[in-house]
Amino acid sequence: MEFNKELITALAHGDAQAQEQIKTLPTSVRMALGLAVDQLRRDENIIPMNGGFSVFEQKKSSYVDDDAVREAMQRRMDIERENRERQEQAQEAFIAEQTRLAMERSRAGLPRNDRLPR
């Protein structure tokens, strides 16, 4: 995209009026402008007066409640542990049932299930 060189230069220097002018532009155009501004800053070693307009600006981080995160992680770990225990119990019950069935077949003189003729 071709942009007005004066606008890009003003943005590179951190001009507040230029930043106000571009606020109404679509996001894709602002991103293209930001790339052009960053390229100009790199090419001409421009350091803006106020930090200025950049594609790489990060939003202010919001407060994170450590206790809520810890509780959520603990709940998740508890659920995973319960699921694992339930799975192990089901597996043990299946093995016990298969063993019981194999013993009954053996006592009755029948061949094992895994050795039935095909």
Protein backbone atom coordinates (compact mmCIF):
# COMPACT_ATOMS: atom_id res chain seq x y z
CA MET A 1 0.00 0.00 0.00
CA GLU A 2 1.11 3.53 -0.68
CA PHE A 3 0.71 5.95 2.20
CA ASN A 4 1.37 9.63 2.59
CA LYS A 5 5.07 9.95 3.49
CA GLU A 6 4.38 12.95 5.74
CA LEU A 7 1.80 10.93 7.71
CA ILE A 8 4.22 8.02 8.15
CA THR A 9 7.00 10.41 9.21
CA ALA A 10 4.68 12.12 11.71
CA LEU A 11 3.62 8.77 13.12
CA ALA A 12 7.25 7.67 13.35
CA HIS A 13 8.07 10.76 15.39
CA GLY A 14 5.11 10.14 17.70
CA ASP A 15 2.84 13.00 16.59
CA ALA A 16 -0.42 12.87 18.59
CA GLN A 17 -2.48 14.51 15.82
CA ALA A 18 -1.36 11.91 13.29
CA GLN A 19 -2.32 9.15 15.71
CA GLU A 20 -5.77 10.70 16.14
CA GLN A 21 -6.22 10.80 12.36
CA ILE A 22 -5.65 7.07 11.92
CA LYS A 23 -7.86 5.87 14.78
CA THR A 24 -10.90 5.67 12.49
CA LEU A 25 -9.13 3.60 9.82
CA PRO A 26 -9.77 -0.15 9.55
CA THR A 27 -7.46 -2.45 11.48
CA SER A 28 -5.77 -3.83 8.37
CA VAL A 29 -4.86 -0.32 7.18
CA ARG A 30 -3.57 0.63 10.63
CA MET A 31 -1.44 -2.51 10.69
CA ALA A 32 0.00 -1.68 7.26
CA LEU A 33 0.71 1.85 8.49
CA GLY A 34 2.35 0.45 11.60
CA LEU A 35 4.63 -1.74 9.49
CA ALA A 36 5.57 1.25 7.35
CA VAL A 37 6.23 3.34 10.48
CA ASP A 38 8.41 0.62 12.02
CA GLN A 39 10.34 0.24 8.76
CA LEU A 40 10.95 4.02 8.62
CA ARG A 41 12.09 4.00 12.26
CA ARG A 42 14.56 1.21 11.51
CA ASP A 43 15.82 2.82 8.30
CA GLU A 44 16.31 6.30 9.75
CA ASN A 45 16.97 5.36 13.41
CA ILE A 46 14.01 7.40 14.63
CA ILE A 47 13.15 7.24 18.30
CA PRO A 48 9.66 8.68 18.91
CA MET A 49 9.18 11.27 21.62
CA ASN A 50 6.34 9.42 23.39
CA GLY A 51 6.88 5.79 22.42
CA GLY A 52 4.57 6.45 19.51
CA PHE A 53 2.53 4.29 17.20
CA SER A 54 3.81 0.78 16.58
CA VAL A 55 2.43 -2.52 15.35
CA PHE A 56 4.21 -4.20 18.20
CA GLU A 57 2.53 -2.26 20.98
CA GLN A 58 1.20 -4.49 23.69
CA LYS A 59 -1.93 -3.83 25.64
CA LYS A 60 -1.62 -3.26 29.34
CA SER A 61 -1.80 -6.55 31.14
CA SER A 62 -4.81 -7.02 33.32
CA TYR A 63 -4.70 -8.20 36.90
CA VAL A 64 -4.51 -11.97 37.30
CA ASP A 65 -5.88 -13.45 40.49
CA ASP A 66 -3.24 -15.98 41.53
CA ASP A 67 -5.56 -17.66 44.04
CA ALA A 68 -8.24 -18.23 41.38
CA VAL A 69 -5.66 -19.65 38.99
CA ARG A 70 -4.32 -21.94 41.72
CA GLU A 71 -7.84 -23.13 42.59
CA ALA A 72 -8.68 -23.77 38.93
CA MET A 73 -5.48 -25.75 38.45
CA GLN A 74 -6.17 -27.74 41.63
CA ARG A 75 -9.72 -28.55 40.46
CA ARG A 76 -8.36 -29.66 37.09
CA MET A 77 -5.75 -31.88 38.75
CA ASP A 78 -8.41 -33.38 41.05
CA ILE A 79 -10.67 -34.17 38.09
CA GLU A 80 -7.79 -35.77 36.19
CA ARG A 81 -6.84 -37.84 39.27
CA GLU A 82 -10.46 -39.00 39.73
CA ASN A 83 -10.70 -39.93 36.05
CA ARG A 84 -7.43 -41.85 36.25
CA GLU A 85 -8.60 -43.72 39.38
CA ARG A 86 -11.95 -44.52 37.75
CA GLN A 87 -10.16 -45.84 34.66
CA GLU A 88 -7.83 -48.00 36.77
CA GLN A 89 -10.80 -49.42 38.71
CA ALA A 90 -12.63 -50.25 35.49
CA GLN A 91 -9.52 -51.93 34.11
CA GLU A 92 -9.05 -53.96 37.29
CA ALA A 93 -12.72 -55.00 37.24
CA PHE A 94 -12.40 -56.08 33.60
CA ILE A 95 -9.27 -58.13 34.34
CA ALA A 96 -10.96 -59.75 37.36
CA GLU A 97 -14.03 -60.65 35.27
CA GLN A 98 -11.91 -62.09 32.46
CA THR A 99 -9.91 -64.11 34.98
CA ARG A 100 -13.11 -65.43 36.59
CA LEU A 101 -14.51 -66.42 33.19
CA ALA A 102 -11.24 -68.16 32.26
CA MET A 103 -11.25 -70.11 35.54
CA GLU A 104 -14.86 -71.21 34.99
CA ARG A 105 -14.03 -72.41 31.46
CA SER A 106 -11.00 -74.23 32.79
CA ARG A 107 -13.01 -75.98 35.53
CA ALA A 108 -15.60 -77.02 32.97
CA GLY A 109 -12.87 -78.51 30.76
CA LEU A 110 -13.43 -76.01 27.94
CA PRO A 111 -10.59 -74.45 25.93
CA ARG A 112 -9.48 -70.93 26.78
CA ASN A 113 -11.24 -68.07 25.00
CA ASP A 114 -8.07 -66.89 23.32
CA ARG A 115 -7.39 -70.39 21.94
CA LEU A 116 -10.72 -71.13 20.33
CA PRO A 117 -10.43 -72.74 16.87
CA ARG A 118 -11.15 -70.46 13.98
